[in-house]
Amino acid sequence: MGSVPTFQLMLVFAVVTFGLFRAYLRMQARDERENALETWAAQNGFESSYQPTGSTPTLEADNGHAGPCFAVPVGEQEAAMFAFSYTIGSGRDQVDVETTLVQAVLAAGFPHFRVLPAHADRLPPGPGDEHEVQLESIEFQHAHRLLAARGGDLDALMRLFDPEMIVWWLDQGSLAPIVEYQMGTLVVRSTVPLDESAQYDMLLAQAQKIATGVLAQGSLHRAPIS
């Protein structure tokens, strides 16, 4: 009988130790990714910066943590690239999510929207007024979900997602980003954490492409029709 409490204590100790070890490995991996991003930024002459203000579902996720930020060129807009982590769920169902993102302040007069992988999980919930927008592309609908705020300017959204943009998005394949635009804040984030220069180059190019389209079709930038 006396061995039962000892066994239970050993089991608890093993579980706690394993949890601490996993936390250590996550922190170590996070440090390595942040160092890789810092090296890439230095090689490209991108200086350290503050995280731009603004909010989207990802930025507002539980336990959100931004790593060191680096100023990156997204048109003439204020933008930064950084590693970001958050949690989904609670208790035993809690999952840590690691990603890399570009955040830009556009203030483009554009409707709120998100583009998500069609079968993605571990994503923070969006605003409650969203509905799914159907595009005339079976391939896009199979791979992605386009969500927009109800009552928003769907004409602007349709102009953004013209055939050229849809083809570009499909060409990204499994590396297509998750995109959020809300209250002038654009977030273009990877579906997995990044740790290589080529991956950072691709994410920045994706952010530049999407930001250019949003600004071109936004009501604050789009030229009036004569």
Protein backbone atom coordinates (compact mmCIF):
# COMPACT_ATOMS: atom_id res chain seq x y z
CA MET A 1 0.00 0.00 0.00
CA GLY A 2 2.84 2.35 0.84
CA SER A 3 4.21 2.06 -2.71
CA VAL A 4 1.14 3.62 -4.33
CA PRO A 5 1.75 7.20 -3.18
CA THR A 6 5.41 6.88 -4.19
CA PHE A 7 4.42 5.70 -7.65
CA GLN A 8 1.91 8.50 -7.98
CA LEU A 9 4.50 11.06 -6.96
CA MET A 10 6.94 9.62 -9.51
CA LEU A 11 4.25 9.78 -12.20
CA VAL A 12 3.43 13.39 -11.38
CA PHE A 13 7.13 14.24 -11.37
CA ALA A 14 7.58 12.57 -14.77
CA VAL A 15 4.61 14.44 -16.26
CA VAL A 16 5.82 17.79 -14.90
CA THR A 17 9.37 17.12 -16.08
CA PHE A 18 8.14 16.17 -19.55
CA GLY A 19 6.03 19.32 -19.71
CA LEU A 20 8.96 21.49 -18.70
CA PHE A 21 11.18 19.77 -21.25
CA ARG A 22 8.64 20.40 -24.02
CA ALA A 23 8.37 24.04 -22.96
CA TYR A 24 12.17 24.31 -23.06
CA LEU A 25 12.28 22.84 -26.57
CA ARG A 26 9.59 25.27 -27.75
CA MET A 27 11.49 28.22 -26.31
CA GLN A 28 14.72 27.01 -27.87
CA ALA A 29 13.06 26.58 -31.28
CA ARG A 30 11.48 30.03 -30.95
CA ASP A 31 14.87 31.58 -30.15
CA GLU A 32 16.41 29.88 -33.17
CA ARG A 33 13.68 31.18 -35.47
CA GLU A 34 14.00 34.69 -34.09
CA ASN A 35 17.78 34.54 -34.61
CA ALA A 36 17.25 33.34 -38.19
CA LEU A 37 14.89 36.23 -38.89
CA GLU A 38 17.31 38.69 -37.32
CA THR A 39 20.11 37.37 -39.54
CA TRP A 40 17.94 37.68 -42.66
CA ALA A 41 16.93 41.22 -41.70
CA ALA A 42 20.56 42.23 -41.18
CA GLN A 43 21.59 40.74 -44.54
CA ASN A 44 18.89 42.79 -46.27
CA GLY A 45 19.50 46.00 -44.33
CA PHE A 46 16.14 45.89 -42.54
CA GLU A 47 16.39 47.65 -39.21
CA SER A 48 14.74 46.79 -35.93
CA SER A 49 11.37 48.48 -35.44
CA TYR A 50 8.32 48.61 -33.25
CA GLN A 51 5.29 46.48 -34.02
CA PRO A 52 2.72 48.62 -35.85
CA THR A 53 -0.53 49.34 -34.05
CA GLY A 54 -3.70 47.55 -35.09
CA SER A 55 -5.61 44.37 -34.48
CA THR A 56 -6.81 41.30 -36.37
CA PRO A 57 -7.96 37.87 -35.12
CA THR A 58 -4.38 36.58 -35.07
CA LEU A 59 -3.00 39.61 -33.25
CA GLU A 60 -5.82 39.37 -30.69
CA ALA A 61 -5.41 35.62 -30.08
CA ASP A 62 -4.91 34.31 -26.55
CA ASN A 63 -1.39 34.62 -25.13
CA GLY A 64 -0.17 36.38 -28.27
CA HIS A 65 3.57 36.99 -28.26
CA ALA A 66 5.49 38.96 -30.89
CA GLY A 67 9.21 38.45 -31.32
CA PRO A 68 11.68 41.12 -32.41
CA CYS A 69 10.21 43.23 -35.26
CA PHE A 70 12.02 44.41 -38.36
CA ALA A 71 10.88 47.19 -40.69
CA VAL A 72 10.20 45.82 -44.16
CA PRO A 73 9.12 47.60 -47.36
CA VAL A 74 5.44 47.17 -48.23
CA GLY A 75 4.91 50.01 -50.67
CA GLU A 76 5.20 53.27 -48.76
CA GLN A 77 3.31 51.85 -45.80
CA GLU A 78 4.48 51.15 -42.26
CA ALA A 79 5.16 47.43 -42.01
CA ALA A 80 7.10 44.96 -39.90
CA MET A 81 7.95 41.27 -40.04
CA PHE A 82 8.21 39.20 -36.88
CA ALA A 83 7.69 35.77 -35.41
CA PHE A 84 4.39 35.43 -33.55
CA SER A 85 2.93 32.79 -31.24
CA TYR A 86 -0.44 32.27 -29.59
CA THR A 87 -2.52 29.52 -28.01
CA ILE A 88 -5.74 27.80 -29.00
CA GLY A 89 -7.96 25.94 -26.56
CA SER A 90 -7.50 25.49 -22.84
CA GLY A 91 -6.37 22.89 -20.33
CA ARG A 92 -5.30 19.62 -21.90
CA ASP A 93 -6.67 20.80 -25.25
CA GLN A 94 -4.46 23.90 -25.33
CA VAL A 95 -2.19 24.06 -28.36
CA ASP A 96 0.68 26.45 -29.00
CA VAL A 97 0.80 27.91 -32.51
CA GLU A 98 3.92 29.43 -34.04
CA THR A 99 3.89 31.54 -37.18
CA THR A 100 5.74 34.35 -38.95
CA LEU A 101 3.89 37.37 -40.22
CA VAL A 102 4.07 40.72 -41.95
CA GLN A 103 1.88 43.42 -40.40
CA ALA A 104 1.18 46.61 -42.35
CA VAL A 105 -0.92 49.70 -41.68
CA LEU A 106 -2.77 50.47 -44.92
CA ALA A 107 -5.87 52.50 -44.06
CA ALA A 108 -7.09 51.78 -47.56
CA GLY A 109 -10.83 52.16 -47.10
CA PHE A 110 -11.23 48.47 -47.87
CA PRO A 111 -13.78 45.99 -46.41
CA HIS A 112 -12.72 43.58 -43.69
CA PHE A 113 -11.79 40.18 -45.08
CA ARG A 114 -9.82 37.04 -44.35
CA VAL A 115 -8.39 34.28 -46.55
CA LEU A 116 -7.92 30.98 -44.75
CA PRO A 117 -6.92 27.48 -45.85
CA ALA A 118 -10.11 25.53 -46.53
CA HIS A 119 -9.36 22.83 -43.99
CA ALA A 120 -7.19 24.68 -41.48
CA ASP A 121 -7.46 24.33 -37.74
CA ARG A 122 -5.65 26.06 -34.88
CA LEU A 123 -6.87 29.43 -36.11
CA PRO A 124 -8.22 32.13 -33.80
CA PRO A 125 -11.92 32.92 -34.22
CA GLY A 126 -12.85 35.83 -36.42
CA PRO A 127 -15.47 38.52 -35.89
CA GLY A 128 -19.02 37.28 -35.64
CA ASP A 129 -20.33 39.24 -38.64
CA GLU A 130 -18.44 37.30 -41.32
CA HIS A 131 -19.88 35.36 -44.21
CA GLU A 132 -18.19 33.28 -46.87
CA VAL A 133 -17.80 34.84 -50.30
CA GLN A 134 -17.96 32.54 -53.31
CA LEU A 135 -15.60 33.19 -56.21
CA GLU A 136 -15.98 31.82 -59.72
CA SER A 137 -13.08 29.44 -59.24
CA ILE A 138 -13.61 25.85 -58.15
CA GLU A 139 -9.88 25.47 -57.52
CA PHE A 140 -9.81 28.47 -55.19
CA GLN A 141 -12.91 27.35 -53.31
CA HIS A 142 -11.40 23.89 -52.85
CA ALA A 143 -8.17 25.25 -51.32
CA HIS A 144 -9.24 28.47 -49.56
CA ARG A 145 -12.07 30.24 -47.77
CA LEU A 146 -12.68 33.92 -48.46
CA LEU A 147 -14.55 35.51 -45.55
CA ALA A 148 -15.84 39.08 -45.46
CA ALA A 149 -17.78 41.32 -43.11
CA ARG A 150 -21.50 41.48 -43.82
CA GLY A 151 -22.52 44.76 -45.38
CA GLY A 152 -19.01 45.47 -46.66
CA ASP A 153 -18.10 46.64 -50.13
CA LEU A 154 -18.18 43.34 -52.02
CA ASP A 155 -17.49 45.14 -55.30
CA ALA A 156 -14.06 46.17 -53.98
CA LEU A 157 -13.41 42.60 -52.83
CA MET A 158 -14.37 41.23 -56.25
CA ARG A 159 -12.05 43.73 -57.92
CA LEU A 160 -9.22 42.54 -55.70
CA PHE A 161 -9.91 38.89 -56.41
CA ASP A 162 -9.87 39.24 -60.15
CA PRO A 163 -8.73 36.31 -62.35
CA GLU A 164 -5.09 37.44 -62.17
CA MET A 165 -5.10 37.52 -58.37
CA ILE A 166 -6.88 34.17 -58.12
CA VAL A 167 -4.30 32.55 -60.41
CA TRP A 168 -1.49 34.10 -58.37
CA TRP A 169 -3.03 32.77 -55.14
CA LEU A 170 -3.36 29.26 -56.56
CA ASP A 171 0.25 29.38 -57.78
CA GLN A 172 1.37 29.75 -54.15
CA GLY A 173 0.22 26.19 -53.53
CA SER A 174 0.77 24.92 -50.01
CA LEU A 175 2.77 28.09 -49.24
CA ALA A 176 -0.22 30.38 -49.76
CA PRO A 177 -0.47 32.67 -46.73
CA ILE A 178 -3.27 33.31 -44.29
CA VAL A 179 -4.48 36.89 -44.77
CA GLU A 180 -6.44 39.20 -42.48
CA TYR A 181 -7.50 42.80 -43.13
CA GLN A 182 -9.33 44.65 -40.37
CA MET A 183 -9.61 48.34 -39.49
CA GLY A 184 -6.72 49.30 -41.76
CA THR A 185 -4.42 46.55 -40.48
CA LEU A 186 -3.16 43.95 -42.94
CA VAL A 187 -1.64 40.72 -41.62
CA VAL A 188 -0.08 38.24 -44.04
CA ARG A 189 1.09 35.20 -42.11
CA SER A 190 2.60 31.85 -42.84
CA THR A 191 0.76 28.62 -42.10
CA VAL A 192 3.90 27.28 -40.39
CA PRO A 193 6.81 28.94 -38.55
CA LEU A 194 9.58 30.07 -40.89
CA ASP A 195 13.32 29.78 -40.37
CA GLU A 196 14.97 30.18 -43.80
CA SER A 197 15.90 33.23 -45.86
CA ALA A 198 13.99 32.03 -48.94
CA GLN A 199 10.86 31.64 -46.82
CA TYR A 200 11.15 35.19 -45.48
CA ASP A 201 11.67 36.48 -49.02
CA MET A 202 8.52 34.70 -50.18
CA LEU A 203 6.38 35.94 -47.27
CA LEU A 204 7.50 39.54 -47.86
CA ALA A 205 6.77 39.26 -51.59
CA GLN A 206 3.31 37.86 -50.81
CA ALA A 207 2.60 40.75 -48.42
CA GLN A 208 3.73 43.28 -51.02
CA LYS A 209 1.52 41.72 -53.70
CA ILE A 210 -1.59 41.66 -51.50
CA ALA A 211 -1.03 45.14 -50.08
CA THR A 212 -0.64 46.57 -53.59
CA GLY A 213 -3.99 45.08 -54.56
CA VAL A 214 -5.78 46.27 -51.43
CA LEU A 215 -4.47 49.80 -51.86
CA ALA A 216 -5.34 49.88 -55.56
CA GLN A 217 -8.94 48.86 -54.92
CA GLY A 218 -9.53 50.65 -51.62
CA SER A 219 -11.87 53.65 -51.66
CA LEU A 220 -9.20 55.94 -50.16
CA HIS A 221 -6.76 55.27 -53.00
CA ARG A 222 -8.74 54.17 -56.02
CA ALA A 223 -9.07 56.82 -58.70
CA PRO A 224 -12.66 57.95 -59.33
CA ILE A 225 -14.38 56.73 -62.47
CA SER A 226 -14.83 59.62 -64.91
